[in-house]
Amino acid sequence: MTREDSARWHDSLLTTLDASGLEGRLAADYLRAHQTTVWFLKLRPHVGAFWTPWRSVGLNQTHFTRTTPLTDPSLLTLVIHEVCHLQQGMLNALSVRGELEAWQLQFREYQRLTRPLTDPVLLELLSLPLNWDRAVLKRARELMQAYAGKAYRADLLPLYPFPHEFRYWMTRRPPSGV
């Protein structure tokens, strides 16, 4: 694929995100403002998409290619999920709390674009409060792995973003006023 074809695909993705609703529009605005590239790489099947420290979004070629319809709700909501991580920053994104926020955003949008979810695991995940309760975050991690499989290594992430996690282990107090 030529550079021009890639640019046309990227522009079409942004246009489709714009038309998908508020969260899609916000994601497209972020991608434009930060000149974030969206690219493809073949990865293990349990990975749908990913963000990089270089502020780009990758889509797994096992699931998506440039011929995947841009209106595919899975593709759109995964891009929204990964943009959420870029907005969170690396330390927040690399925590169960950051993942919970992105998963909830992704599946609320997926549900809005398609139909009400029926999977009990996702329904419970969506019902969890996004807070600093360690029991809630541990449950979120369990639910993520129940849905995505044990190869989804949420068990390697700290519950809180690292500075908050470190402070918790030093004081045994959850973050307050964050």
Protein backbone atom coordinates (compact mmCIF):
# COMPACT_ATOMS: atom_id res chain seq x y z
CA MET A 1 0.00 0.00 0.00
CA THR A 2 1.36 3.40 -0.95
CA ARG A 3 1.78 6.31 1.41
CA GLU A 4 -1.14 8.04 -0.35
CA ASP A 5 -3.37 4.98 0.10
CA SER A 6 -2.43 4.85 3.76
CA ALA A 7 -3.21 8.56 4.20
CA ARG A 8 -6.59 8.13 2.47
CA TRP A 9 -7.42 5.17 4.72
CA HIS A 10 -6.43 7.17 7.82
CA ASP A 11 -8.55 10.15 6.70
CA SER A 12 -11.49 7.82 6.08
CA LEU A 13 -11.06 6.31 9.55
CA LEU A 14 -11.16 9.79 11.10
CA THR A 15 -14.28 10.69 9.10
CA THR A 16 -15.99 7.48 10.21
CA LEU A 17 -15.04 8.09 13.84
CA ASP A 18 -16.44 11.64 13.53
CA ALA A 19 -19.75 10.24 12.29
CA SER A 20 -19.97 7.51 14.95
CA GLY A 21 -20.96 9.77 17.85
CA LEU A 22 -19.45 11.92 20.57
CA GLU A 23 -16.75 9.50 21.75
CA GLY A 24 -15.71 8.75 18.18
CA ARG A 25 -15.54 12.46 17.42
CA LEU A 26 -13.40 13.06 20.51
CA ALA A 27 -11.07 10.21 19.51
CA ALA A 28 -10.78 11.56 15.96
CA ASP A 29 -10.06 15.05 17.30
CA TYR A 30 -7.31 13.62 19.50
CA LEU A 31 -5.78 11.63 16.62
CA ARG A 32 -5.77 14.74 14.43
CA ALA A 33 -4.45 17.11 17.10
CA HIS A 34 -1.57 14.78 17.99
CA GLN A 35 -0.94 13.54 14.44
CA THR A 36 -1.34 10.02 15.76
CA THR A 37 -0.84 7.26 13.24
CA VAL A 38 -2.95 4.11 13.15
CA TRP A 39 -1.16 1.13 11.67
CA PHE A 40 -1.33 -2.66 11.40
CA LEU A 41 0.80 -5.47 12.79
CA LYS A 42 0.14 -9.19 13.05
CA LEU A 43 0.06 -10.24 16.72
CA ARG A 44 -1.24 -13.01 18.94
CA PRO A 45 -5.00 -13.56 18.48
CA HIS A 46 -5.98 -12.31 21.95
CA VAL A 47 -4.71 -8.80 21.14
CA GLY A 48 -7.15 -6.62 19.22
CA ALA A 49 -5.26 -3.34 19.26
CA PHE A 50 -2.55 -1.56 21.21
CA TRP A 51 -1.02 1.85 21.86
CA THR A 52 2.65 2.67 21.81
CA PRO A 53 4.81 5.04 23.87
CA TRP A 54 5.46 6.83 20.56
CA ARG A 55 1.80 7.86 20.60
CA SER A 56 0.50 5.62 17.85
CA VAL A 57 -2.27 3.03 17.69
CA GLY A 58 -1.75 -0.41 16.23
CA LEU A 59 -4.47 -2.75 15.00
CA ASN A 60 -3.88 -6.49 14.95
CA GLN A 61 -3.88 -7.81 11.36
CA THR A 62 -5.19 -11.09 12.71
CA HIS A 63 -8.52 -9.30 13.17
CA PHE A 64 -8.40 -6.16 11.00
CA THR A 65 -6.91 -5.05 7.70
CA ARG A 66 -7.30 -1.96 5.55
CA THR A 67 -10.15 -3.82 3.81
CA THR A 68 -12.13 -4.19 7.05
CA PRO A 69 -15.17 -1.92 6.75
CA LEU A 70 -14.45 1.25 8.69
CA THR A 71 -17.96 1.07 10.11
CA ASP A 72 -17.06 -2.19 11.93
CA PRO A 73 -18.02 -1.43 15.56
CA SER A 74 -15.17 -3.62 16.88
CA LEU A 75 -12.59 -1.64 14.93
CA LEU A 76 -14.05 1.75 15.88
CA THR A 77 -14.41 0.97 19.57
CA LEU A 78 -10.93 -0.53 19.81
CA VAL A 79 -9.49 2.66 18.34
CA ILE A 80 -11.52 4.65 20.89
CA HIS A 81 -10.17 2.34 23.64
CA GLU A 82 -6.56 2.88 22.59
CA VAL A 83 -7.01 6.65 22.24
CA CYS A 84 -8.34 6.62 25.80
CA HIS A 85 -5.01 5.07 26.87
CA LEU A 86 -3.03 7.71 24.97
CA GLN A 87 -5.07 10.40 26.73
CA GLN A 88 -4.49 8.75 30.11
CA GLY A 89 -0.72 8.79 29.75
CA MET A 90 1.59 5.84 30.11
CA LEU A 91 1.45 5.45 33.90
CA ASN A 92 -2.35 5.47 34.04
CA ALA A 93 -2.73 3.31 30.95
CA LEU A 94 -0.46 0.67 32.45
CA SER A 95 -2.75 -0.02 35.40
CA VAL A 96 -5.90 -2.03 35.99
CA ARG A 97 -7.72 1.23 36.75
CA GLY A 98 -6.65 2.62 33.36
CA GLU A 99 -7.73 -0.58 31.66
CA LEU A 100 -11.09 -0.55 33.43
CA GLU A 101 -11.75 2.99 32.21
CA ALA A 102 -10.83 2.07 28.62
CA TRP A 103 -12.78 -1.22 28.66
CA GLN A 104 -15.88 0.52 29.99
CA LEU A 105 -15.62 3.24 27.35
CA GLN A 106 -15.08 0.67 24.59
CA PHE A 107 -17.98 -1.58 25.51
CA ARG A 108 -20.42 1.24 26.25
CA GLU A 109 -19.66 2.56 22.78
CA TYR A 110 -19.88 -0.92 21.25
CA GLN A 111 -23.26 -1.39 22.88
CA ARG A 112 -24.43 2.03 21.64
CA LEU A 113 -23.32 1.25 18.08
CA THR A 114 -24.76 -2.27 17.96
CA ARG A 115 -27.22 -3.65 20.50
CA PRO A 116 -27.42 -4.20 24.25
CA LEU A 117 -24.72 -6.54 25.49
CA THR A 118 -25.79 -9.91 26.86
CA ASP A 119 -22.45 -11.34 27.99
CA PRO A 120 -22.68 -11.52 31.80
CA VAL A 121 -18.93 -10.88 32.17
CA LEU A 122 -19.12 -7.63 30.19
CA LEU A 123 -22.32 -6.58 31.93
CA GLU A 124 -20.64 -6.98 35.32
CA LEU A 125 -17.54 -5.15 34.10
CA LEU A 126 -19.71 -2.24 32.93
CA SER A 127 -21.48 -2.15 36.29
CA LEU A 128 -18.27 -1.68 38.29
CA PRO A 129 -17.64 1.81 39.65
CA LEU A 130 -14.51 3.49 38.32
CA ASN A 131 -12.95 4.28 41.66
CA TRP A 132 -9.91 3.46 43.82
CA ASP A 133 -11.39 0.45 45.63
CA ARG A 134 -8.83 -2.34 45.35
CA ALA A 135 -11.52 -5.05 45.59
CA VAL A 136 -13.31 -3.48 42.60
CA LEU A 137 -10.08 -3.29 40.60
CA LYS A 138 -9.19 -6.91 41.44
CA ARG A 139 -12.64 -7.96 40.26
CA ALA A 140 -12.18 -5.92 37.08
CA ARG A 141 -8.91 -7.74 36.40
CA GLU A 142 -10.64 -11.11 36.91
CA LEU A 143 -13.45 -10.12 34.55
CA MET A 144 -11.05 -8.88 31.87
CA GLN A 145 -9.23 -12.20 31.93
CA ALA A 146 -12.50 -14.15 32.03
CA TYR A 147 -13.57 -12.35 28.87
CA ALA A 148 -10.24 -12.11 27.00
CA GLY A 149 -8.53 -15.22 28.34
CA LYS A 150 -5.51 -15.74 30.57
CA ALA A 151 -3.23 -14.65 27.72
CA TYR A 152 -4.57 -11.14 28.36
CA ARG A 153 -2.01 -10.26 31.02
CA ALA A 154 -3.94 -7.78 33.14
CA ASP A 155 -2.57 -9.76 36.08
CA LEU A 156 0.83 -8.16 35.41
CA LEU A 157 -0.50 -4.62 35.80
CA PRO A 158 -0.59 -2.79 39.12
CA LEU A 159 -4.10 -1.98 40.30
CA TYR A 160 -3.35 1.74 40.53
CA PRO A 161 -1.08 3.83 38.29
CA PHE A 162 2.45 3.15 39.52
CA PRO A 163 3.01 6.29 41.68
CA HIS A 164 -0.31 5.64 43.46
CA GLU A 165 0.47 1.93 43.76
CA PHE A 166 3.86 2.68 45.29
CA ARG A 167 2.29 5.13 47.74
CA TYR A 168 -0.36 2.53 48.62
CA TRP A 169 2.28 -0.08 49.44
CA MET A 170 4.14 2.43 51.60
CA THR A 171 1.09 3.78 53.47
CA ARG A 172 -1.67 1.17 52.89
CA ARG A 173 -3.99 4.04 51.99
CA PRO A 174 -5.72 4.33 48.62
CA PRO A 175 -5.41 7.56 46.67
CA SER A 176 -7.70 10.35 47.83
CA GLY A 177 -8.84 13.45 46.03
CA VAL A 178 -7.48 12.17 42.70
